[in-house]
Amino acid sequence: MRAENALPGSPDWRITHAGPARAIEGFADRPSVRAGEVLALRVSTTSASYTVSAYRMGWYGGARARLVWRSRALPGLRQAPARLEPGTRMAWAQWRRTAEVDTSGWPEGSYLLRLDAQDGRAQRFVPVTVRSPSATGRTVVVNSVATWQAYNRWGGTDLYKGTNGKKASRALQVTFDRPYGGGQGAGQFLVYEAPVIALAERMGLPLAYATGVDVAGDPALLCGAAAMVSLGHDEYWSPEQRRHVGAARDAGTNLAVLGANCCYRRVRFEPSAVGPDRIVVCYKEDYAQDPGFRRGSPPTNDFRRAPAPDPESSLLGVIYDGYPVDAPYVVSNPDHWLLTGTGARLGDSFPHLVGVEYDRVNTAHPTPRPIEILAHSPVVRKGRPSHADTVYFSSAGGAGVFCTGTMRWVEALDASGPGRPKVNHGLDDRAARFTRTVTANVLGAFARGPAGRDRPATDNLAAYYGAPATTPGV
């Protein structure tokens, strides 16, 4: 990886003229491939021709990307508008293949394929991961593609709202068979994931790359991994992903959750006409209507809910507590080794760093012990006072687990200046220095192997939440 990061970067990777809606857009036939596999694209454009440029995202001496491949000019095709499946209100694109991309020689990593209309009218991204052949001894960066898709409103529906903007018309399942409507086609990658990847590559850590779909589909993917990193917004997991991550943690693989609301919704992957694992099923409170549930599959509702309650706190130590909030992040344990180099003192606060969703320790749910709270930030959500908690705990298998407790952590990594209203939530360069230092401490320690063996947590839960019942030996 060091040799890759030493190559010249491509500062011109960004989209500079998005153009009108539907002028150019596309999607890939798989969220991830192995290097050397052929990736099929389905592109729609009003231009007579277009090109595809493959940018590997990471760290290149300050540049965030490197151009790995570029196509010749390809003939443009205006494809059909979105279709809506009546029963589930799933929006999808019944599009023809327009290009095949040979990924031979592509280094493993997270990529953005940029579509450029040749008439200069429009650009869009298509994200894809070139997954690693092995995770042994590496820190695995997991792209949260199911969550990107859950919030993807291309075609008019996502898992939250339908074409009329109401919850009652929301989709009950969503599909990868469509472009991403947000992030200039990149989904949530640029906001919640790219800053961490750049930092980790700049540190020179041995990294591996995968998507949540890959982790769900391969029980052995995390075997021998030093650590797994869940990025800024990683809400939608299948039971298989939950099981495989839990097994890896119990075997000594460290787990860093650099966001909030992680592993909250339970989903099922189903095939589409394009390929396997293309549909993300999540009926939520309507799970009883799900044909898969009626056939005996787990309910596609929140992990903590009946009829199969399995709160995320048993895996993470924290549990999602709500949104929306905007609050200062308050340091409560400044001498903790993970805060080394931050210069933080007891009670130091960082405005706007807690938001928009947050997690906390809640001993009404399973809580692994020993667990340490590093930051205990007061919040008020819809008139109800609570706290957002940053935690570290050590598992019986030796793994260390770190959770930030706030969804803005990754966004803060790129904050700059004094903090201006309506610019990156008002986060400033002081928050950036703090989060970058802590993140580097976490990633560096976790890359060296089971952190809980050398640095077991010293439980301090009683100082914040009294003396609750324990859940030892997790």
Protein backbone atom coordinates (compact mmCIF):
# COMPACT_ATOMS: atom_id res chain seq x y z
CA MET A 1 0.00 0.00 0.00
CA ARG A 2 2.87 2.39 0.65
CA ALA A 3 3.99 2.02 -2.96
CA GLU A 4 0.47 2.80 -4.13
CA ASN A 5 0.19 5.89 -1.93
CA ALA A 6 3.57 7.15 -3.17
CA LEU A 7 2.23 7.45 -6.74
CA PRO A 8 1.16 10.86 -8.06
CA GLY A 9 -2.43 11.74 -7.29
CA SER A 10 -5.11 13.26 -9.51
CA PRO A 11 -6.41 16.52 -8.01
CA ASP A 12 -8.94 16.86 -10.84
CA TRP A 13 -11.05 13.89 -9.74
CA ARG A 14 -13.93 15.98 -8.41
CA ILE A 15 -17.11 16.79 -10.29
CA THR A 16 -17.02 20.40 -11.42
CA HIS A 17 -20.17 20.53 -13.56
CA ALA A 18 -22.86 18.11 -12.45
CA GLY A 19 -25.25 19.36 -15.10
CA PRO A 20 -29.02 18.87 -15.26
CA ALA A 21 -30.75 15.97 -13.56
CA ARG A 22 -30.66 12.80 -15.68
CA ALA A 23 -28.09 14.30 -18.09
CA ILE A 24 -25.76 11.44 -17.18
CA GLU A 25 -26.01 8.79 -14.46
CA GLY A 26 -25.33 5.12 -14.03
CA PHE A 27 -24.81 2.11 -11.79
CA ALA A 28 -22.60 -0.96 -11.62
CA ASP A 29 -23.77 -4.56 -11.64
CA ARG A 30 -21.99 -5.25 -8.32
CA PRO A 31 -21.02 -3.11 -5.33
CA SER A 32 -17.61 -4.81 -5.28
CA VAL A 33 -15.33 -6.89 -7.48
CA ARG A 34 -12.00 -8.63 -7.18
CA ALA A 35 -9.22 -7.11 -9.27
CA GLY A 36 -9.28 -8.70 -12.70
CA GLU A 37 -13.03 -9.24 -12.82
CA VAL A 38 -15.15 -7.52 -15.45
CA LEU A 39 -17.55 -4.91 -14.11
CA ALA A 40 -20.66 -4.12 -16.15
CA LEU A 41 -22.04 -0.57 -16.16
CA ARG A 42 -25.51 0.63 -17.06
CA VAL A 43 -25.37 4.30 -18.03
CA SER A 44 -28.04 6.69 -19.23
CA THR A 45 -27.13 10.02 -20.83
CA THR A 46 -28.57 12.67 -23.11
CA SER A 47 -25.11 13.12 -24.64
CA ALA A 48 -24.05 11.35 -27.82
CA SER A 49 -21.03 9.88 -26.03
CA TYR A 50 -19.31 9.72 -22.66
CA THR A 51 -16.19 8.44 -20.94
CA VAL A 52 -15.59 6.51 -17.72
CA SER A 53 -12.64 7.40 -15.47
CA ALA A 54 -11.76 5.14 -12.53
CA TYR A 55 -10.36 7.01 -9.53
CA ARG A 56 -9.01 5.09 -6.58
CA MET A 57 -9.84 7.08 -3.45
CA GLY A 58 -7.25 7.36 -0.69
CA TRP A 59 -4.14 9.39 0.06
CA TYR A 60 -1.68 10.58 -2.56
CA GLY A 61 0.47 13.28 -1.02
CA GLY A 62 -2.55 15.44 -0.30
CA ALA A 63 -4.65 14.43 -3.28
CA ARG A 64 -7.57 12.20 -2.36
CA ALA A 65 -7.58 10.12 -5.55
CA ARG A 66 -5.51 8.59 -8.35
CA LEU A 67 -6.66 7.99 -11.90
CA VAL A 68 -6.22 4.26 -12.51
CA TRP A 69 -8.03 3.83 -15.84
CA ARG A 70 -9.98 5.77 -18.44
CA SER A 71 -12.20 4.47 -21.22
CA ARG A 72 -12.38 5.55 -24.80
CA ALA A 73 -15.44 7.53 -25.86
CA LEU A 74 -18.50 5.29 -25.53
CA PRO A 75 -21.81 5.74 -27.35
CA GLY A 76 -24.48 7.46 -25.27
CA LEU A 77 -27.95 6.07 -24.70
CA ARG A 78 -30.96 7.67 -23.05
CA GLN A 79 -32.46 4.88 -20.97
CA ALA A 80 -35.96 4.43 -19.58
CA PRO A 81 -37.21 6.38 -16.55
CA ALA A 82 -37.49 4.76 -13.13
CA ARG A 83 -39.97 1.98 -12.61
CA LEU A 84 -41.90 1.45 -9.39
CA GLU A 85 -42.82 -2.00 -8.12
CA PRO A 86 -46.45 -1.68 -6.92
CA GLY A 87 -46.37 -4.01 -3.92
CA THR A 88 -43.17 -2.81 -2.26
CA ARG A 89 -42.87 0.61 -3.94
CA MET A 90 -39.27 -0.22 -4.86
CA ALA A 91 -37.82 2.14 -7.47
CA TRP A 92 -35.51 0.54 -10.02
CA ALA A 93 -33.95 1.11 -13.43
CA GLN A 94 -34.54 -1.48 -16.14
CA TRP A 95 -31.50 -0.47 -18.14
CA ARG A 96 -29.34 -2.16 -20.73
CA ARG A 97 -25.64 -2.77 -20.23
CA THR A 98 -23.70 0.01 -21.91
CA ALA A 99 -20.08 -0.76 -20.94
CA GLU A 100 -17.84 -3.48 -19.56
CA VAL A 101 -14.79 -2.52 -17.52
CA ASP A 102 -11.84 -4.89 -17.09
CA THR A 103 -10.37 -4.26 -13.63
CA SER A 104 -7.14 -6.16 -14.25
CA GLY A 105 -4.27 -4.45 -12.49
CA TRP A 106 -6.48 -2.25 -10.32
CA PRO A 107 -5.19 -2.00 -6.74
CA GLU A 108 -7.64 -2.97 -4.03
CA GLY A 109 -9.51 -0.03 -2.55
CA SER A 110 -12.57 2.21 -2.74
CA TYR A 111 -13.22 3.70 -6.18
CA LEU A 112 -15.36 6.36 -7.76
CA LEU A 113 -15.98 5.88 -11.48
CA ARG A 114 -16.63 9.29 -12.98
CA LEU A 115 -18.98 9.50 -15.94
CA ASP A 116 -18.22 12.49 -18.19
CA ALA A 117 -20.61 13.49 -20.96
CA GLN A 118 -18.43 14.29 -23.96
CA ASP A 119 -20.37 17.45 -24.73
CA GLY A 120 -19.25 18.77 -21.34
CA ARG A 121 -22.79 19.10 -20.03
CA ALA A 122 -22.69 16.73 -17.07
CA GLN A 123 -20.73 14.45 -14.73
CA ARG A 124 -21.70 11.84 -12.14
CA PHE A 125 -20.00 9.22 -9.98
CA VAL A 126 -20.56 5.47 -9.71
CA PRO A 127 -18.99 3.94 -6.56
CA VAL A 128 -17.40 0.49 -6.54
CA THR A 129 -15.05 -1.37 -4.20
CA VAL A 130 -12.16 -3.52 -5.39
CA ARG A 131 -12.18 -5.88 -2.47
CA SER A 132 -9.09 -7.41 -0.96
CA PRO A 133 -8.16 -11.06 -1.45
CA SER A 134 -7.27 -11.41 2.24
CA ALA A 135 -7.84 -9.55 5.49
CA THR A 136 -5.28 -11.44 7.56
CA GLY A 137 -3.30 -9.03 9.72
CA ARG A 138 -5.03 -6.02 8.18
CA THR A 139 -7.54 -3.37 9.17
CA VAL A 140 -10.68 -3.92 7.12
CA VAL A 141 -12.46 -0.79 5.89
CA VAL A 142 -16.11 -1.64 5.23
CA ASN A 143 -18.14 0.49 2.82
CA SER A 144 -21.71 0.81 4.16
CA VAL A 145 -23.44 0.28 0.83
CA ALA A 146 -26.74 -1.03 2.27
CA THR A 147 -27.13 2.19 4.25
CA TRP A 148 -26.31 4.29 1.19
CA GLN A 149 -29.07 2.48 -0.64
CA ALA A 150 -31.58 2.83 2.21
CA TYR A 151 -31.34 6.62 1.88
CA ASN A 152 -31.16 6.67 -1.92
CA ARG A 153 -34.18 8.53 -3.29
CA TRP A 154 -33.44 7.97 -6.97
CA GLY A 155 -36.77 7.12 -8.60
CA GLY A 156 -38.75 8.79 -5.82
CA THR A 157 -38.66 6.27 -2.96
CA ASP A 158 -36.31 5.11 -0.24
CA LEU A 159 -36.85 3.27 3.04
CA TYR A 160 -38.16 6.47 4.66
CA LYS A 161 -40.44 8.28 2.21
CA GLY A 162 -42.29 7.61 -1.00
CA THR A 163 -43.16 9.63 -4.05
CA ASN A 164 -45.58 11.83 -2.07
CA GLY A 165 -42.98 12.54 0.62
CA LYS A 166 -44.92 10.64 3.28
CA LYS A 167 -43.73 7.80 5.47
CA ALA A 168 -46.78 5.69 4.58
CA SER A 169 -45.65 5.60 0.96
CA ARG A 170 -42.06 4.56 1.71
CA ALA A 171 -40.46 1.61 -0.02
CA LEU A 172 -40.35 -1.71 1.81
CA GLN A 173 -37.26 -2.70 -0.14
CA VAL A 174 -34.69 -0.86 -2.22
CA THR A 175 -32.29 -2.01 -4.90
CA PHE A 176 -28.78 -1.49 -6.20
CA ASP A 177 -30.31 -1.59 -9.69
CA ARG A 178 -30.37 2.20 -9.94
CA PRO A 179 -27.98 5.15 -9.65
CA TYR A 180 -27.46 6.98 -6.37
CA GLY A 181 -29.45 10.19 -6.34
CA GLY A 182 -27.27 11.87 -3.70
CA GLY A 183 -23.60 12.69 -3.37
CA GLN A 184 -23.33 13.42 -7.11
CA GLY A 185 -23.88 9.71 -7.63
CA ALA A 186 -21.50 8.60 -4.85
CA GLY A 187 -24.18 7.97 -2.22
CA GLN A 188 -22.87 8.68 1.29
CA PHE A 189 -19.25 7.77 0.49
CA LEU A 190 -17.72 11.23 0.26
CA VAL A 191 -19.30 12.52 3.48
CA TYR A 192 -19.04 9.54 5.81
CA GLU A 193 -16.20 7.38 4.48
CA ALA A 194 -13.58 9.05 2.28
CA PRO A 195 -12.01 11.14 5.12
CA VAL A 196 -11.28 8.02 7.19
CA ILE A 197 -9.78 6.16 4.24
CA ALA A 198 -7.50 9.11 3.48
CA LEU A 199 -6.32 9.26 7.10
CA ALA A 200 -5.73 5.50 7.37
CA GLU A 201 -3.77 5.40 4.11
CA ARG A 202 -1.74 8.44 5.12
CA MET A 203 -0.77 6.54 8.28
CA GLY A 204 0.57 3.71 6.13
CA LEU A 205 -1.57 1.05 7.83
CA PRO A 206 -2.03 -2.37 6.22
CA LEU A 207 -5.62 -2.08 4.99
CA ALA A 208 -8.16 -4.35 3.36
CA TYR A 209 -11.35 -3.23 1.62
CA ALA A 210 -14.82 -4.74 1.49
CA THR A 211 -18.50 -3.81 1.59
CA GLY A 212 -21.09 -4.81 4.17
CA VAL A 213 -22.60 -7.12 1.55
CA ASP A 214 -19.24 -8.90 1.29
CA VAL A 215 -18.97 -9.30 5.06
CA ALA A 216 -22.49 -10.73 5.17
CA GLY A 217 -21.81 -13.20 2.37
CA ASP A 218 -18.44 -14.57 3.48
CA PRO A 219 -18.07 -15.93 7.03
CA ALA A 220 -14.31 -16.14 6.57
CA LEU A 221 -13.74 -12.61 5.29
CA LEU A 222 -12.77 -11.16 8.68
CA CYS A 223 -10.82 -14.21 9.85
CA GLY A 224 -7.42 -13.12 11.11
CA ALA A 225 -8.12 -9.42 10.58
CA ALA A 226 -6.45 -7.06 13.03
CA ALA A 227 -9.44 -4.74 13.05
CA MET A 228 -12.64 -3.79 11.28
CA VAL A 229 -13.70 -0.18 10.79
CA SER A 230 -17.36 0.80 10.58
CA LEU A 231 -17.50 4.25 9.03
CA GLY A 232 -19.68 7.29 9.66
CA HIS A 233 -23.17 5.95 8.94
CA ASP A 234 -23.50 2.16 9.00
CA GLU A 235 -27.11 1.62 10.01
CA TYR A 236 -28.39 -1.30 7.92
CA TRP A 237 -26.94 -4.78 8.57
CA SER A 238 -28.12 -8.26 7.78
CA PRO A 239 -28.14 -10.89 10.55
CA GLU A 240 -25.29 -12.62 8.70
CA GLN A 241 -23.13 -9.49 8.85
CA ARG A 242 -23.95 -9.07 12.52
CA ARG A 243 -23.03 -12.70 13.20
CA HIS A 244 -19.75 -12.58 11.26
CA VAL A 245 -18.61 -9.31 12.86
CA GLY A 246 -19.50 -10.65 16.31
CA ALA A 247 -17.53 -13.84 15.70
CA ALA A 248 -14.52 -11.85 14.53
CA ARG A 249 -14.68 -9.59 17.59
CA ASP A 250 -14.92 -12.60 19.88
CA ALA A 251 -11.84 -14.09 18.16
CA GLY A 252 -9.79 -10.94 18.84
CA THR A 253 -10.48 -8.66 15.87
CA ASN A 254 -10.72 -5.07 17.10
CA LEU A 255 -13.79 -3.05 16.14
CA ALA A 256 -13.84 0.70 15.56
CA VAL A 257 -17.21 2.38 15.01
CA LEU A 258 -16.54 5.91 13.77
CA GLY A 259 -20.15 7.02 13.66
CA ALA A 260 -23.47 6.43 15.36
CA ASN A 261 -26.67 4.49 14.68
CA CYS A 262 -24.55 1.47 13.70
CA CYS A 263 -26.15 -1.97 13.24
CA TYR A 264 -29.62 -0.60 13.99
CA ARG A 265 -31.83 -1.91 11.18
CA ARG A 266 -32.02 -5.59 10.32
CA VAL A 267 -32.20 -6.32 6.57
CA ARG A 268 -32.22 -9.21 4.14
CA PHE A 269 -30.46 -9.32 0.78
CA GLU A 270 -32.28 -10.82 -2.18
CA PRO A 271 -31.38 -11.24 -5.85
CA SER A 272 -32.64 -9.13 -8.73
CA ALA A 273 -32.56 -9.80 -12.46
CA VAL A 274 -29.10 -8.19 -12.48
CA GLY A 275 -27.51 -10.49 -9.89
CA PRO A 276 -27.39 -11.79 -6.30
CA ASP A 277 -27.76 -9.59 -3.21
CA ARG A 278 -29.11 -6.65 -5.22
CA ILE A 279 -32.25 -5.95 -3.16
CA VAL A 280 -32.19 -4.67 0.44
CA VAL A 281 -35.39 -5.74 2.23
CA CYS A 282 -36.44 -3.81 5.35
CA TYR A 283 -40.14 -3.69 6.24
CA LYS A 284 -39.43 -2.12 9.66
CA GLU A 285 -42.60 -2.01 11.78
CA ASP A 286 -44.51 -3.74 8.96
CA TYR A 287 -42.25 -6.81 9.18
CA ALA A 288 -45.25 -9.15 9.56
CA GLN A 289 -46.22 -8.33 5.96
CA ASP A 290 -42.79 -9.40 4.66
CA PRO A 291 -43.15 -12.60 2.58
CA GLY A 292 -39.64 -13.63 3.62
CA PHE A 293 -40.57 -13.39 7.30
CA ARG A 294 -43.68 -15.46 6.62
CA ARG A 295 -41.43 -18.10 5.08
CA GLY A 296 -39.28 -18.23 8.21
CA SER A 297 -36.58 -15.60 7.66
CA PRO A 298 -35.68 -13.22 10.50
CA PRO A 299 -37.86 -10.11 10.77
CA THR A 300 -36.61 -7.10 8.82
CA ASN A 301 -37.13 -4.62 11.64
CA ASP A 302 -34.83 -2.98 14.20
CA PHE A 303 -32.39 -5.40 15.81
CA ARG A 304 -33.60 -4.48 19.29
CA ARG A 305 -37.29 -5.14 18.54
CA ALA A 306 -39.46 -8.20 19.01
CA PRO A 307 -40.03 -10.83 17.78
CA ALA A 308 -36.23 -11.44 17.62
CA PRO A 309 -34.66 -8.80 19.90
CA ASP A 310 -30.88 -8.57 19.65
CA PRO A 311 -29.87 -5.03 20.71
CA GLU A 312 -26.78 -3.64 19.00
CA SER A 313 -25.33 -2.74 22.40
CA SER A 314 -24.32 -6.37 23.00
CA LEU A 315 -21.91 -5.99 20.07
CA LEU A 316 -20.94 -2.33 20.38
CA GLY A 317 -21.34 -1.35 24.03
CA VAL A 318 -23.51 1.63 23.04
CA ILE A 319 -27.02 1.81 21.67
CA TYR A 320 -28.67 4.31 19.35
CA ASP A 321 -30.64 6.89 21.32
CA GLY A 322 -32.16 9.18 18.72
CA TYR A 323 -32.04 12.30 16.59
CA PRO A 324 -31.96 15.15 15.80
CA VAL A 325 -29.46 16.80 18.11
CA ASP A 326 -26.74 19.41 17.76
CA ALA A 327 -24.61 19.61 20.87
CA PRO A 328 -21.04 20.10 22.11
CA TYR A 329 -18.88 17.02 22.57
CA VAL A 330 -17.66 16.99 26.19
CA VAL A 331 -14.48 15.17 27.28
CA SER A 332 -14.88 13.34 30.57
CA ASN A 333 -11.81 11.08 30.66
CA PRO A 334 -8.92 13.16 29.25
CA ASP A 335 -6.17 10.88 30.60
CA HIS A 336 -7.33 7.88 28.61
CA TRP A 337 -4.65 6.50 26.31
CA LEU A 338 -6.86 6.94 23.25
CA LEU A 339 -6.85 10.72 23.87
CA THR A 340 -3.06 10.94 24.01
CA GLY A 341 -1.78 13.93 22.08
CA THR A 342 -5.09 15.76 21.94
CA GLY A 343 -4.25 18.16 24.76
CA ALA A 344 -7.84 17.78 25.95
CA ARG A 345 -8.69 18.54 29.55
CA LEU A 346 -11.59 17.49 31.73
CA GLY A 347 -14.74 19.23 30.56
CA ASP A 348 -13.28 20.48 27.27
CA SER A 349 -16.02 20.77 24.68
CA PHE A 350 -16.17 20.86 20.90
CA PRO A 351 -19.23 22.68 19.54
CA HIS A 352 -21.53 20.83 17.13
CA LEU A 353 -19.52 17.60 17.23
CA VAL A 354 -22.47 15.63 18.61
CA GLY A 355 -25.13 15.24 15.94
CA VAL A 356 -27.30 14.58 14.10
CA GLU A 357 -27.76 11.06 15.52
CA TYR A 358 -26.05 9.80 18.65
CA ASP A 359 -25.44 6.70 20.78
CA ARG A 360 -25.13 6.21 24.51
CA VAL A 361 -24.58 3.54 27.12
CA ASN A 362 -27.95 2.29 28.31
CA THR A 363 -27.82 -0.42 30.93
CA ALA A 364 -31.46 -1.31 30.29
CA HIS A 365 -29.93 -3.18 27.34
CA PRO A 366 -27.04 -5.68 27.32
CA THR A 367 -23.82 -3.79 28.10
CA PRO A 368 -20.40 -5.47 27.76
CA ARG A 369 -18.05 -4.99 30.70
CA PRO A 370 -15.49 -3.70 31.47
CA ILE A 371 -16.34 -0.52 29.60
CA GLU A 372 -14.88 2.99 29.83
CA ILE A 373 -16.65 6.22 28.96
CA LEU A 374 -14.26 8.75 27.43
CA ALA A 375 -16.75 11.51 26.61
CA HIS A 376 -20.16 12.08 28.19
CA SER A 377 -21.95 14.83 26.29
CA PRO A 378 -25.28 16.27 27.44
CA VAL A 379 -27.91 16.43 24.71
CA VAL A 380 -31.58 17.33 24.56
CA ARG A 381 -33.66 15.50 22.00
CA LYS A 382 -37.21 16.75 21.49
CA GLY A 383 -37.28 18.04 25.06
CA ARG A 384 -35.81 14.87 26.58
CA PRO A 385 -32.36 15.21 28.22
CA SER A 386 -29.83 12.45 27.60
CA HIS A 387 -26.13 11.93 26.88
CA ALA A 388 -23.99 10.87 23.94
CA ASP A 389 -21.16 8.56 25.01
CA THR A 390 -17.79 7.73 23.48
CA VAL A 391 -16.68 4.36 24.82
CA TYR A 392 -13.90 1.80 24.79
CA PHE A 393 -14.29 -1.73 26.04
CA SER A 394 -12.28 -4.93 25.95
CA SER A 395 -13.83 -8.28 25.13
CA ALA A 396 -13.06 -11.67 26.61
CA GLY A 397 -11.36 -12.66 23.35
CA GLY A 398 -8.93 -9.76 23.63
CA ALA A 399 -10.47 -7.37 21.12
CA GLY A 400 -10.76 -3.69 21.80
CA VAL A 401 -13.96 -1.92 20.75
CA PHE A 402 -14.17 1.85 20.27
CA CYS A 403 -17.36 3.76 19.45
CA THR A 404 -17.53 7.53 18.96
CA GLY A 405 -21.25 7.89 19.80
CA THR A 406 -21.79 10.63 17.22
CA MET A 407 -22.48 10.61 13.49
CA ARG A 408 -20.45 13.78 12.88
CA TRP A 409 -17.10 12.28 13.81
CA VAL A 410 -15.98 11.49 10.25
CA GLU A 411 -17.25 14.82 8.92
CA ALA A 412 -15.18 16.57 11.58
CA LEU A 413 -11.96 15.03 10.22
CA ASP A 414 -12.13 17.44 7.28
CA ALA A 415 -13.33 20.52 9.17
CA SER A 416 -11.28 23.69 8.77
CA GLY A 417 -11.21 27.30 9.84
CA PRO A 418 -13.03 28.90 12.75
CA GLY A 419 -16.33 27.12 12.15
CA ARG A 420 -19.01 28.94 10.19
CA PRO A 421 -22.77 28.48 10.40
CA LYS A 422 -24.19 26.25 7.65
CA VAL A 423 -20.67 25.05 6.68
CA ASN A 424 -20.00 21.48 7.81
CA HIS A 425 -22.42 21.97 10.74
CA GLY A 426 -20.21 24.74 12.14
CA LEU A 427 -17.39 22.30 13.00
CA ASP A 428 -13.98 23.99 13.26
CA ASP A 429 -10.32 23.09 12.84
CA ARG A 430 -10.04 22.45 16.60
CA ALA A 431 -12.60 19.65 16.29
CA ALA A 432 -10.69 18.37 13.26
CA ARG A 433 -7.41 18.18 15.17
CA PHE A 434 -9.09 16.40 18.08
CA THR A 435 -10.93 13.80 15.99
CA ARG A 436 -7.93 13.16 13.72
CA THR A 437 -5.66 12.56 16.70
CA VAL A 438 -8.07 10.21 18.45
CA THR A 439 -8.85 8.36 15.21
CA ALA A 440 -5.13 7.91 14.52
CA ASN A 441 -4.63 6.59 18.06
CA VAL A 442 -7.46 4.10 17.59
CA LEU A 443 -6.40 2.91 14.16
CA GLY A 444 -2.74 2.68 15.09
CA ALA A 445 -3.38 0.65 18.24
CA PHE A 446 -5.99 -1.56 16.63
CA ALA A 447 -3.72 -2.37 13.67
CA ARG A 448 -1.23 -3.98 16.06
CA GLY A 449 -3.58 -6.76 17.13
CA PRO A 450 -6.03 -7.44 19.97
CA ALA A 451 -5.94 -4.14 21.86
CA GLY A 452 -7.89 -5.48 24.82
CA ARG A 453 -5.05 -7.81 25.79
CA ASP A 454 -2.43 -5.09 26.19
CA ARG A 455 -4.84 -2.32 27.14
CA PRO A 456 -7.84 -3.81 28.94
CA ALA A 457 -10.58 -1.37 29.80
CA THR A 458 -10.89 -0.09 33.35
CA ASP A 459 -14.60 0.03 34.01
CA ASN A 460 -15.92 3.46 35.00
CA LEU A 461 -19.61 3.01 34.25
CA ALA A 462 -20.72 3.54 37.83
CA ALA A 463 -19.37 7.09 37.77
CA TYR A 464 -21.90 7.96 35.06
CA TYR A 465 -24.80 5.56 35.41
CA GLY A 466 -24.67 4.23 38.97
CA ALA A 467 -24.00 0.55 39.62
CA PRO A 468 -25.99 -1.39 37.01
CA ALA A 469 -26.04 -5.11 36.52
CA THR A 470 -23.09 -6.37 34.51
CA THR A 471 -22.82 -8.30 31.29
CA PRO A 472 -19.30 -9.73 31.67
CA GLY A 473 -17.27 -11.91 29.38
CA VAL A 474 -18.55 -10.58 26.04
